[in-house]
Amino acid sequence: MRFLLSFIVVIAGCVVSLPIQDATISADLAAETSRAIVRMRAAPQPEPGPKPGDVCPNCKGKGYVGDGTVKTKCLPCDGTGKVQKVVKHPPAKVCTDGSCEL
């Protein structure tokens, strides 16, 4: 979106500098510009995930998953029904013969 204004200025400058008798180039340029704008608008926008303390979307706050007859503790929320804080661990190191690699 931030490049849209500069893109329009460049396109406008290109259209102004075109010969008047060649209308097909102007039409092609306008079609490509509109196609680029439609593709940019159609790009999916990621939705923010749930925050820690919110209701767990996996079990919907119940703390278990299942149909009621068979229940299993919800693993993402650890049975609390609330979203847990995500802890990212560093990658494991593989050590062989005294040398370690990631």
PDB file of N, CA and C in Angstrom:
ATOM      1  N   MET A   1       0.822  -1.181   0.000  1.00  0.00           N
ATOM      2  CA  MET A   1       0.000   0.000   0.000  1.00  0.00           C
ATOM      3  C   MET A   1       0.869   1.249   0.000  1.00  0.00           C
ATOM      4  N   ARG A   2       2.016   1.180   0.668  1.00  0.00           N
ATOM      5  CA  ARG A   2       2.860   2.370   0.755  1.00  0.00           C
ATOM      6  C   ARG A   2       3.514   2.694  -0.574  1.00  0.00           C
ATOM      7  N   PHE A   3       3.629   1.725  -1.447  1.00  0.00           N
ATOM      8  CA  PHE A   3       4.230   1.971  -2.751  1.00  0.00           C
ATOM      9  C   PHE A   3       3.195   2.363  -3.798  1.00  0.00           C
ATOM     10  N   LEU A   4       1.925   2.360  -3.421  1.00  0.00           N
ATOM     11  CA  LEU A   4       0.864   2.629  -4.376  1.00  0.00           C
ATOM     12  C   LEU A   4       0.961   4.038  -4.946  1.00  0.00           C
ATOM     13  N   LEU A   5       1.229   5.030  -4.096  1.00  0.00           N
ATOM     14  CA  LEU A   5       1.325   6.402  -4.575  1.00  0.00           C
ATOM     15  C   LEU A   5       2.478   6.562  -5.556  1.00  0.00           C
ATOM     16  N   SER A   6       3.641   6.012  -5.224  1.00  0.00           N
ATOM     17  CA  SER A   6       4.775   6.115  -6.146  1.00  0.00           C
ATOM     18  C   SER A   6       4.497   5.345  -7.431  1.00  0.00           C
ATOM     19  N   PHE A   7       3.785   4.222  -7.340  1.00  0.00           N
ATOM     20  CA  PHE A   7       3.434   3.438  -8.515  1.00  0.00           C
ATOM     21  C   PHE A   7       2.511   4.242  -9.438  1.00  0.00           C
ATOM     22  N   ILE A   8       1.544   4.922  -8.838  1.00  0.00           N
ATOM     23  CA  ILE A   8       0.619   5.734  -9.637  1.00  0.00           C
ATOM     24  C   ILE A   8       1.345   6.893 -10.305  1.00  0.00           C
ATOM     25  N   VAL A   9       2.286   7.526  -9.593  1.00  0.00           N
ATOM     26  CA  VAL A   9       3.046   8.633 -10.176  1.00  0.00           C
ATOM     27  C   VAL A   9       3.866   8.136 -11.358  1.00  0.00           C
ATOM     28  N   VAL A  10       4.493   6.988 -11.225  1.00  0.00           N
ATOM     29  CA  VAL A  10       5.284   6.435 -12.323  1.00  0.00           C
ATOM     30  C   VAL A  10       4.392   6.106 -13.509  1.00  0.00           C
ATOM     31  N   ILE A  11       3.253   5.482 -13.247  1.00  0.00           N
ATOM     32  CA  ILE A  11       2.330   5.127 -14.321  1.00  0.00           C
ATOM     33  C   ILE A  11       1.809   6.393 -15.016  1.00  0.00           C
ATOM     34  N   ALA A  12       1.454   7.398 -14.231  1.00  0.00           N
ATOM     35  CA  ALA A  12       0.951   8.635 -14.822  1.00  0.00           C
ATOM     36  C   ALA A  12       2.029   9.286 -15.692  1.00  0.00           C
ATOM     37  N   GLY A  13       3.264   9.259 -15.233  1.00  0.00           N
ATOM     38  CA  GLY A  13       4.348   9.813 -16.031  1.00  0.00           C
ATOM     39  C   GLY A  13       4.556   9.033 -17.315  1.00  0.00           C
ATOM     40  N   CYS A  14       4.396   7.733 -17.260  1.00  0.00           N
ATOM     41  CA  CYS A  14       4.554   6.909 -18.461  1.00  0.00           C
ATOM     42  C   CYS A  14       3.424   7.159 -19.450  1.00  0.00           C
ATOM     43  N   VAL A  15       2.207   7.318 -18.962  1.00  0.00           N
ATOM     44  CA  VAL A  15       1.066   7.539 -19.841  1.00  0.00           C
ATOM     45  C   VAL A  15       1.165   8.909 -20.504  1.00  0.00           C
ATOM     46  N   VAL A  16       1.619   9.918 -19.765  1.00  0.00           N
ATOM     47  CA  VAL A  16       1.736  11.271 -20.324  1.00  0.00           C
ATOM     48  C   VAL A  16       2.788  11.302 -21.420  1.00  0.00           C
ATOM     49  N   SER A  17       3.845  10.524 -21.280  1.00  0.00           N
ATOM     50  CA  SER A  17       4.929  10.566 -22.252  1.00  0.00           C
ATOM     51  C   SER A  17       4.679   9.692 -23.486  1.00  0.00           C
ATOM     52  N   LEU A  18       3.570   8.946 -23.514  1.00  0.00           N
ATOM     53  CA  LEU A  18       3.276   8.096 -24.664  1.00  0.00           C
ATOM     54  C   LEU A  18       2.803   8.926 -25.854  1.00  0.00           C
ATOM     55  N   PRO A  19       3.043   8.443 -27.074  1.00  0.00           N
ATOM     56  CA  PRO A  19       2.512   9.138 -28.253  1.00  0.00           C
ATOM     57  C   PRO A  19       0.987   9.130 -28.236  1.00  0.00           C
ATOM     58  N   ILE A  20       0.389  10.198 -28.722  1.00  0.00           N
ATOM     59  CA  ILE A  20      -1.066  10.346 -28.671  1.00  0.00           C
ATOM     60  C   ILE A  20      -1.769   9.356 -29.591  1.00  0.00           C
ATOM     61  N   GLN A  21      -1.207   9.045 -30.752  1.00  0.00           N
ATOM     62  CA  GLN A  21      -1.883   8.190 -31.716  1.00  0.00           C
ATOM     63  C   GLN A  21      -1.862   6.706 -31.332  1.00  0.00           C
ATOM     64  N   ASP A  22      -1.078   6.280 -30.327  1.00  0.00           N
ATOM     65  CA  ASP A  22      -0.992   4.866 -29.953  1.00  0.00           C
ATOM     66  C   ASP A  22      -1.825   4.613 -28.694  1.00  0.00           C
ATOM     67  N   ALA A  23      -3.112   4.372 -28.860  1.00  0.00           N
ATOM     68  CA  ALA A  23      -4.020   4.176 -27.727  1.00  0.00           C
ATOM     69  C   ALA A  23      -3.939   2.773 -27.152  1.00  0.00           C
ATOM     70  N   THR A  24      -3.427   1.799 -27.915  1.00  0.00           N
ATOM     71  CA  THR A  24      -3.373   0.423 -27.412  1.00  0.00           C
ATOM     72  C   THR A  24      -2.382   0.282 -26.270  1.00  0.00           C
ATOM     73  N   ILE A  25      -1.287   1.023 -26.319  1.00  0.00           N
ATOM     74  CA  ILE A  25      -0.312   0.949 -25.224  1.00  0.00           C
ATOM     75  C   ILE A  25      -0.923   1.504 -23.950  1.00  0.00           C
ATOM     76  N   SER A  26      -1.651   2.604 -24.063  1.00  0.00           N
ATOM     77  CA  SER A  26      -2.307   3.182 -22.887  1.00  0.00           C
ATOM     78  C   SER A  26      -3.340   2.220 -22.313  1.00  0.00           C
ATOM     79  N   ALA A  27      -4.086   1.543 -23.179  1.00  0.00           N
ATOM     80  CA  ALA A  27      -5.092   0.586 -22.709  1.00  0.00           C
ATOM     81  C   ALA A  27      -4.421  -0.608 -22.031  1.00  0.00           C
ATOM     82  N   ASP A  28      -3.323  -1.106 -22.605  1.00  0.00           N
ATOM     83  CA  ASP A  28      -2.598  -2.216 -21.986  1.00  0.00           C
ATOM     84  C   ASP A  28      -2.037  -1.820 -20.634  1.00  0.00           C
ATOM     85  N   LEU A  29      -1.508  -0.617 -20.544  1.00  0.00           N
ATOM     86  CA  LEU A  29      -0.941  -0.135 -19.296  1.00  0.00           C
ATOM     87  C   LEU A  29      -2.019   0.015 -18.228  1.00  0.00           C
ATOM     88  N   ALA A  30      -3.171   0.512 -18.612  1.00  0.00           N
ATOM     89  CA  ALA A  30      -4.279   0.650 -17.669  1.00  0.00           C
ATOM     90  C   ALA A  30      -4.774  -0.712 -17.207  1.00  0.00           C
ATOM     91  N   ALA A  31      -4.834  -1.679 -18.127  1.00  0.00           N
ATOM     92  CA  ALA A  31      -5.279  -3.025 -17.755  1.00  0.00           C
ATOM     93  C   ALA A  31      -4.301  -3.685 -16.800  1.00  0.00           C
ATOM     94  N   GLU A  32      -3.011  -3.545 -17.052  1.00  0.00           N
ATOM     95  CA  GLU A  32      -2.002  -4.137 -16.163  1.00  0.00           C
ATOM     96  C   GLU A  32      -2.013  -3.468 -14.790  1.00  0.00           C
ATOM     97  N   THR A  33      -2.235  -2.174 -14.758  1.00  0.00           N
ATOM     98  CA  THR A  33      -2.307  -1.463 -13.475  1.00  0.00           C
ATOM     99  C   THR A  33      -3.493  -1.949 -12.662  1.00  0.00           C
ATOM    100  N   SER A  34      -4.646  -2.071 -13.298  1.00  0.00           N
ATOM    101  CA  SER A  34      -5.824  -2.538 -12.563  1.00  0.00           C
ATOM    102  C   SER A  34      -5.655  -3.991 -12.124  1.00  0.00           C
ATOM    103  N   ARG A  35      -5.013  -4.812 -12.947  1.00  0.00           N
ATOM    104  CA  ARG A  35      -4.763  -6.210 -12.560  1.00  0.00           C
ATOM    105  C   ARG A  35      -3.855  -6.278 -11.348  1.00  0.00           C
ATOM    106  N   ALA A  36      -2.830  -5.432 -11.311  1.00  0.00           N
ATOM    107  CA  ALA A  36      -1.903  -5.416 -10.171  1.00  0.00           C
ATOM    108  C   ALA A  36      -2.615  -4.975  -8.900  1.00  0.00           C
ATOM    109  N   ILE A  37      -3.503  -4.008  -9.005  1.00  0.00           N
ATOM    110  CA  ILE A  37      -4.239  -3.533  -7.828  1.00  0.00           C
ATOM    111  C   ILE A  37      -5.199  -4.607  -7.323  1.00  0.00           C
ATOM    112  N   VAL A  38      -5.878  -5.308  -8.226  1.00  0.00           N
ATOM    113  CA  VAL A  38      -6.795  -6.377  -7.819  1.00  0.00           C
ATOM    114  C   VAL A  38      -6.035  -7.500  -7.125  1.00  0.00           C
ATOM    115  N   ARG A  39      -4.863  -7.875  -7.645  1.00  0.00           N
ATOM    116  CA  ARG A  39      -4.068  -8.932  -7.005  1.00  0.00           C
ATOM    117  C   ARG A  39      -3.588  -8.500  -5.633  1.00  0.00           C
ATOM    118  N   MET A  40      -3.230  -7.220  -5.482  1.00  0.00           N
ATOM    119  CA  MET A  40      -2.745  -6.728  -4.201  1.00  0.00           C
ATOM    120  C   MET A  40      -3.872  -6.761  -3.167  1.00  0.00           C
ATOM    121  N   ARG A  41      -5.088  -6.404  -3.566  1.00  0.00           N
ATOM    122  CA  ARG A  41      -6.231  -6.421  -2.645  1.00  0.00           C
ATOM    123  C   ARG A  41      -6.642  -7.837  -2.284  1.00  0.00           C
ATOM    124  N   ALA A  42      -6.435  -8.788  -3.193  1.00  0.00           N
ATOM    125  CA  ALA A  42      -6.858 -10.164  -2.960  1.00  0.00           C
ATOM    126  C   ALA A  42      -5.869 -10.954  -2.115  1.00  0.00           C
ATOM    127  N   ALA A  43      -4.708 -10.380  -1.811  1.00  0.00           N
ATOM    128  CA  ALA A  43      -3.712 -11.095  -1.010  1.00  0.00           C
ATOM    129  C   ALA A  43      -4.269 -11.343   0.391  1.00  0.00           C
ATOM    130  N   PRO A  44      -4.127 -12.559   0.903  1.00  0.00           N
ATOM    131  CA  PRO A  44      -4.670 -12.851   2.229  1.00  0.00           C
ATOM    132  C   PRO A  44      -3.904 -12.109   3.327  1.00  0.00           C
ATOM    133  N   GLN A  45      -4.638 -11.605   4.296  1.00  0.00           N
ATOM    134  CA  GLN A  45      -4.056 -10.921   5.439  1.00  0.00           C
ATOM    135  C   GLN A  45      -4.096 -11.871   6.634  1.00  0.00           C
ATOM    136  N   PRO A  46      -2.963 -12.103   7.271  1.00  0.00           N
ATOM    137  CA  PRO A  46      -2.974 -13.035   8.413  1.00  0.00           C
ATOM    138  C   PRO A  46      -3.757 -12.465   9.588  1.00  0.00           C
ATOM    139  N   GLU A  47      -4.520 -13.325  10.224  1.00  0.00           N
ATOM    140  CA  GLU A  47      -5.288 -12.917  11.398  1.00  0.00           C
ATOM    141  C   GLU A  47      -4.425 -13.096  12.640  1.00  0.00           C
ATOM    142  N   PRO A  48      -4.526 -12.178  13.578  1.00  0.00           N
ATOM    143  CA  PRO A  48      -3.735 -12.345  14.807  1.00  0.00           C
ATOM    144  C   PRO A  48      -4.244 -13.544  15.603  1.00  0.00           C
ATOM    145  N   GLY A  49      -3.317 -14.267  16.192  1.00  0.00           N
ATOM    146  CA  GLY A  49      -3.677 -15.440  16.978  1.00  0.00           C
ATOM    147  C   GLY A  49      -4.182 -15.041  18.354  1.00  0.00           C
ATOM    148  N   PRO A  50      -4.696 -16.008  19.101  1.00  0.00           N
ATOM    149  CA  PRO A  50      -5.190 -15.697  20.445  1.00  0.00           C
ATOM    150  C   PRO A  50      -4.035 -15.333  21.378  1.00  0.00           C
ATOM    151  N   LYS A  51      -4.320 -14.446  22.320  1.00  0.00           N
ATOM    152  CA  LYS A  51      -3.317 -14.004  23.288  1.00  0.00           C
ATOM    153  C   LYS A  51      -3.352 -14.922  24.507  1.00  0.00           C
ATOM    154  N   PRO A  52      -2.241 -15.016  25.248  1.00  0.00           N
ATOM    155  CA  PRO A  52      -2.256 -15.821  26.472  1.00  0.00           C
ATOM    156  C   PRO A  52      -3.336 -15.327  27.439  1.00  0.00           C
ATOM    157  N   GLY A  53      -4.119 -16.258  27.969  1.00  0.00           N
ATOM    158  CA  GLY A  53      -5.207 -15.929  28.877  1.00  0.00           C
ATOM    159  C   GLY A  53      -6.562 -15.919  28.196  1.00  0.00           C
ATOM    160  N   ASP A  54      -6.593 -15.857  26.858  1.00  0.00           N
ATOM    161  CA  ASP A  54      -7.860 -15.925  26.128  1.00  0.00           C
ATOM    162  C   ASP A  54      -8.399 -17.351  26.167  1.00  0.00           C
ATOM    163  N   VAL A  55      -9.642 -17.517  25.780  1.00  0.00           N
ATOM    164  CA  VAL A  55     -10.269 -18.837  25.726  1.00  0.00           C
ATOM    165  C   VAL A  55      -9.564 -19.663  24.653  1.00  0.00           C
ATOM    166  N   CYS A  56      -9.235 -20.900  24.982  1.00  0.00           N
ATOM    167  CA  CYS A  56      -8.551 -21.796  24.056  1.00  0.00           C
ATOM    168  C   CYS A  56      -9.458 -22.105  22.872  1.00  0.00           C
ATOM    169  N   PRO A  57      -9.000 -21.847  21.630  1.00  0.00           N
ATOM    170  CA  PRO A  57      -9.851 -22.132  20.478  1.00  0.00           C
ATOM    171  C   PRO A  57      -9.967 -23.627  20.174  1.00  0.00           C
ATOM    172  N   ASN A  58      -9.062 -24.439  20.711  1.00  0.00           N
ATOM    173  CA  ASN A  58      -9.109 -25.873  20.448  1.00  0.00           C
ATOM    174  C   ASN A  58     -10.239 -26.554  21.225  1.00  0.00           C
ATOM    175  N   CYS A  59     -10.370 -26.231  22.512  1.00  0.00           N
ATOM    176  CA  CYS A  59     -11.399 -26.874  23.344  1.00  0.00           C
ATOM    177  C   CYS A  59     -12.534 -25.919  23.701  1.00  0.00           C
ATOM    178  N   LYS A  60     -12.448 -24.681  23.250  1.00  0.00           N
ATOM    179  CA  LYS A  60     -13.450 -23.641  23.515  1.00  0.00           C
ATOM    180  C   LYS A  60     -13.646 -23.406  25.010  1.00  0.00           C
ATOM    181  N   GLY A  61     -12.539 -23.482  25.767  1.00  0.00           N
ATOM    182  CA  GLY A  61     -12.558 -23.156  27.187  1.00  0.00           C
ATOM    183  C   GLY A  61     -12.961 -24.283  28.112  1.00  0.00           C
ATOM    184  N   LYS A  62     -13.256 -25.475  27.590  1.00  0.00           N
ATOM    185  CA  LYS A  62     -13.685 -26.589  28.437  1.00  0.00           C
ATOM    186  C   LYS A  62     -12.507 -27.294  29.112  1.00  0.00           C
ATOM    187  N   GLY A  63     -11.338 -27.265  28.494  1.00  0.00           N
ATOM    188  CA  GLY A  63     -10.170 -27.933  29.066  1.00  0.00           C
ATOM    189  C   GLY A  63     -10.009 -29.359  28.577  1.00  0.00           C
ATOM    190  N   TYR A  64     -10.988 -29.858  27.853  1.00  0.00           N
ATOM    191  CA  TYR A  64     -10.888 -31.201  27.295  1.00  0.00           C
ATOM    192  C   TYR A  64     -11.475 -31.197  25.885  1.00  0.00           C
ATOM    193  N   VAL A  65     -11.091 -32.189  25.124  1.00  0.00           N
ATOM    194  CA  VAL A  65     -11.665 -32.374  23.790  1.00  0.00           C
ATOM    195  C   VAL A  65     -12.324 -33.741  23.766  1.00  0.00           C
ATOM    196  N   GLY A  66     -13.388 -33.837  23.037  1.00  0.00           N
ATOM    197  CA  GLY A  66     -14.118 -35.090  22.943  1.00  0.00           C
ATOM    198  C   GLY A  66     -15.605 -34.818  22.851  1.00  0.00           C
ATOM    199  N   ASP A  67     -16.372 -35.881  22.782  1.00  0.00           N
ATOM    200  CA  ASP A  67     -17.820 -35.733  22.626  1.00  0.00           C
ATOM    201  C   ASP A  67     -18.567 -35.779  23.959  1.00  0.00           C
ATOM    202  N   GLY A  68     -17.883 -35.867  25.072  1.00  0.00           N
ATOM    203  CA  GLY A  68     -18.527 -35.954  26.383  1.00  0.00           C
ATOM    204  C   GLY A  68     -18.454 -37.357  26.942  1.00  0.00           C
ATOM    205  N   THR A  69     -18.583 -38.366  26.089  1.00  0.00           N
ATOM    206  CA  THR A  69     -18.431 -39.752  26.518  1.00  0.00           C
ATOM    207  C   THR A  69     -16.948 -40.080  26.632  1.00  0.00           C
ATOM    208  N   VAL A  70     -16.216 -39.700  25.617  1.00  0.00           N
ATOM    209  CA  VAL A  70     -14.775 -39.890  25.608  1.00  0.00           C
ATOM    210  C   VAL A  70     -14.144 -38.504  25.709  1.00  0.00           C
ATOM    211  N   LYS A  71     -13.358 -38.292  26.754  1.00  0.00           N
ATOM    212  CA  LYS A  71     -12.721 -36.992  26.947  1.00  0.00           C
ATOM    213  C   LYS A  71     -11.213 -37.180  27.016  1.00  0.00           C
ATOM    214  N   THR A  72     -10.510 -36.196  26.441  1.00  0.00           N
ATOM    215  CA  THR A  72      -9.056 -36.160  26.515  1.00  0.00           C
ATOM    216  C   THR A  72      -8.643 -34.742  26.868  1.00  0.00           C
ATOM    217  N   LYS A  73      -7.668 -34.635  27.739  1.00  0.00           N
ATOM    218  CA  LYS A  73      -7.189 -33.314  28.132  1.00  0.00           C
ATOM    219  C   LYS A  73      -6.691 -32.559  26.906  1.00  0.00           C
ATOM    220  N   CYS A  74      -7.056 -31.292  26.810  1.00  0.00           N
ATOM    221  CA  CYS A  74      -6.630 -30.447  25.697  1.00  0.00           C
ATOM    222  C   CYS A  74      -5.140 -30.155  25.840  1.00  0.00           C
ATOM    223  N   LEU A  75      -4.361 -30.565  24.845  1.00  0.00           N
ATOM    224  CA  LEU A  75      -2.913 -30.388  24.925  1.00  0.00           C
ATOM    225  C   LEU A  75      -2.459 -28.940  24.727  1.00  0.00           C
ATOM    226  N   PRO A  76      -3.034 -28.165  23.802  1.00  0.00           N
ATOM    227  CA  PRO A  76      -2.552 -26.790  23.639  1.00  0.00           C
ATOM    228  C   PRO A  76      -2.712 -25.932  24.891  1.00  0.00           C
ATOM    229  N   CYS A  77      -3.805 -26.115  25.660  1.00  0.00           N
ATOM    230  CA  CYS A  77      -3.998 -25.299  26.864  1.00  0.00           C
ATOM    231  C   CYS A  77      -3.666 -26.061  28.140  1.00  0.00           C
ATOM    232  N   ASP A  78      -3.239 -27.302  28.029  1.00  0.00           N
ATOM    233  CA  ASP A  78      -2.874 -28.151  29.161  1.00  0.00           C
ATOM    234  C   ASP A  78      -4.047 -28.352  30.122  1.00  0.00           C
ATOM    235  N   GLY A  79      -5.269 -28.361  29.576  1.00  0.00           N
ATOM    236  CA  GLY A  79      -6.450 -28.632  30.389  1.00  0.00           C
ATOM    237  C   GLY A  79      -6.986 -27.443  31.155  1.00  0.00           C
ATOM    238  N   THR A  80      -6.418 -26.248  30.969  1.00  0.00           N
ATOM    239  CA  THR A  80      -6.884 -25.079  31.719  1.00  0.00           C
ATOM    240  C   THR A  80      -8.030 -24.358  31.021  1.00  0.00           C
ATOM    241  N   GLY A  81      -8.172 -24.534  29.720  1.00  0.00           N
ATOM    242  CA  GLY A  81      -9.196 -23.814  28.973  1.00  0.00           C
ATOM    243  C   GLY A  81      -8.752 -22.437  28.544  1.00  0.00           C
ATOM    244  N   LYS A  82      -7.552 -22.038  28.937  1.00  0.00           N
ATOM    245  CA  LYS A  82      -7.000 -20.727  28.578  1.00  0.00           C
ATOM    246  C   LYS A  82      -5.750 -20.929  27.728  1.00  0.00           C
ATOM    247  N   VAL A  83      -5.519 -20.009  26.793  1.00  0.00           N
ATOM    248  CA  VAL A  83      -4.332 -20.081  25.945  1.00  0.00           C
ATOM    249  C   VAL A  83      -3.101 -19.863  26.809  1.00  0.00           C
ATOM    250  N   GLN A  84      -2.132 -20.757  26.653  1.00  0.00           N
ATOM    251  CA  GLN A  84      -0.898 -20.676  27.424  1.00  0.00           C
ATOM    252  C   GLN A  84       0.127 -19.823  26.688  1.00  0.00           C
ATOM    253  N   LYS A  85       1.076 -19.306  27.425  1.00  0.00           N
ATOM    254  CA  LYS A  85       2.159 -18.528  26.828  1.00  0.00           C
ATOM    255  C   LYS A  85       3.033 -19.473  26.007  1.00  0.00           C
ATOM    256  N   VAL A  86       3.355 -19.060  24.777  1.00  0.00           N
ATOM    257  CA  VAL A  86       4.170 -19.884  23.890  1.00  0.00           C
ATOM    258  C   VAL A  86       5.638 -19.609  24.199  1.00  0.00           C
ATOM    259  N   VAL A  87       6.369 -20.680  24.492  1.00  0.00           N
ATOM    260  CA  VAL A  87       7.794 -20.571  24.780  1.00  0.00           C
ATOM    261  C   VAL A  87       8.544 -21.204  23.627  1.00  0.00           C
ATOM    262  N   LYS A  88       9.375 -20.408  22.985  1.00  0.00           N
ATOM    263  CA  LYS A  88      10.165 -20.937  21.875  1.00  0.00           C
ATOM    264  C   LYS A  88      11.545 -21.304  22.398  1.00  0.00           C
ATOM    265  N   HIS A  89      11.894 -22.533  22.199  1.00  0.00           N
ATOM    266  CA  HIS A  89      13.185 -23.021  22.656  1.00  0.00           C
ATOM    267  C   HIS A  89      14.212 -22.875  21.544  1.00  0.00           C
ATOM    268  N   PRO A  90      15.490 -22.678  21.908  1.00  0.00           N
ATOM    269  CA  PRO A  90      16.520 -22.616  20.870  1.00  0.00           C
ATOM    270  C   PRO A  90      16.678 -23.983  20.214  1.00  0.00           C
ATOM    271  N   PRO A  91      17.173 -24.019  18.986  1.00  0.00           N
ATOM    272  CA  PRO A  91      17.334 -25.307  18.311  1.00  0.00           C
ATOM    273  C   PRO A  91      18.341 -26.190  19.050  1.00  0.00           C
ATOM    274  N   ALA A  92      18.114 -27.485  18.962  1.00  0.00           N
ATOM    275  CA  ALA A  92      18.990 -28.442  19.631  1.00  0.00           C
ATOM    276  C   ALA A  92      20.329 -28.545  18.917  1.00  0.00           C
ATOM    277  N   LYS A  93      21.385 -28.778  19.678  1.00  0.00           N
ATOM    278  CA  LYS A  93      22.711 -28.954  19.097  1.00  0.00           C
ATOM    279  C   LYS A  93      23.028 -30.438  18.997  1.00  0.00           C
ATOM    280  N   VAL A  94      23.669 -30.798  17.905  1.00  0.00           N
ATOM    281  CA  VAL A  94      24.082 -32.172  17.701  1.00  0.00           C
ATOM    282  C   VAL A  94      25.592 -32.212  17.897  1.00  0.00           C
ATOM    283  N   CYS A  95      26.031 -32.961  18.882  1.00  0.00           N
ATOM    284  CA  CYS A  95      27.461 -33.013  19.185  1.00  0.00           C
ATOM    285  C   CYS A  95      28.005 -34.418  18.871  1.00  0.00           C
ATOM    286  N   THR A  96      29.011 -34.470  18.024  1.00  0.00           N
ATOM    287  CA  THR A  96      29.681 -35.712  17.716  1.00  0.00           C
ATOM    288  C   THR A  96      31.179 -35.478  17.722  1.00  0.00           C
ATOM    289  N   ASP A  97      31.906 -36.313  18.398  1.00  0.00           N
ATOM    290  CA  ASP A  97      33.368 -36.252  18.452  1.00  0.00           C
ATOM    291  C   ASP A  97      33.880 -34.905  18.911  1.00  0.00           C
ATOM    292  N   GLY A  98      33.197 -34.265  19.858  1.00  0.00           N
ATOM    293  CA  GLY A  98      33.655 -32.996  20.419  1.00  0.00           C
ATOM    294  C   GLY A  98      33.289 -31.773  19.607  1.00  0.00           C
ATOM    295  N   SER A  99      32.663 -31.928  18.430  1.00  0.00           N
ATOM    296  CA  SER A  99      32.255 -30.756  17.654  1.00  0.00           C
ATOM    297  C   SER A  99      30.719 -30.689  17.645  1.00  0.00           C
ATOM    298  N   CYS A 100      30.194 -29.500  17.853  1.00  0.00           N
ATOM    299  CA  CYS A 100      28.742 -29.325  17.922  1.00  0.00           C
ATOM    300  C   CYS A 100      28.244 -28.523  16.729  1.00  0.00           C
ATOM    301  N   GLU A 101      27.095 -28.929  16.193  1.00  0.00           N
ATOM    302  CA  GLU A 101      26.458 -28.242  15.072  1.00  0.00           C
ATOM    303  C   GLU A 101      25.010 -27.969  15.447  1.00  0.00           C
ATOM    304  N   LEU A 102      24.434 -26.941  14.849  1.00  0.00           N
ATOM    305  CA  LEU A 102      23.011 -26.659  15.055  1.00  0.00           C
ATOM    306  C   LEU A 102      22.179 -27.525  14.154  1.00  0.00           C
TER     307      LEU A 102
END
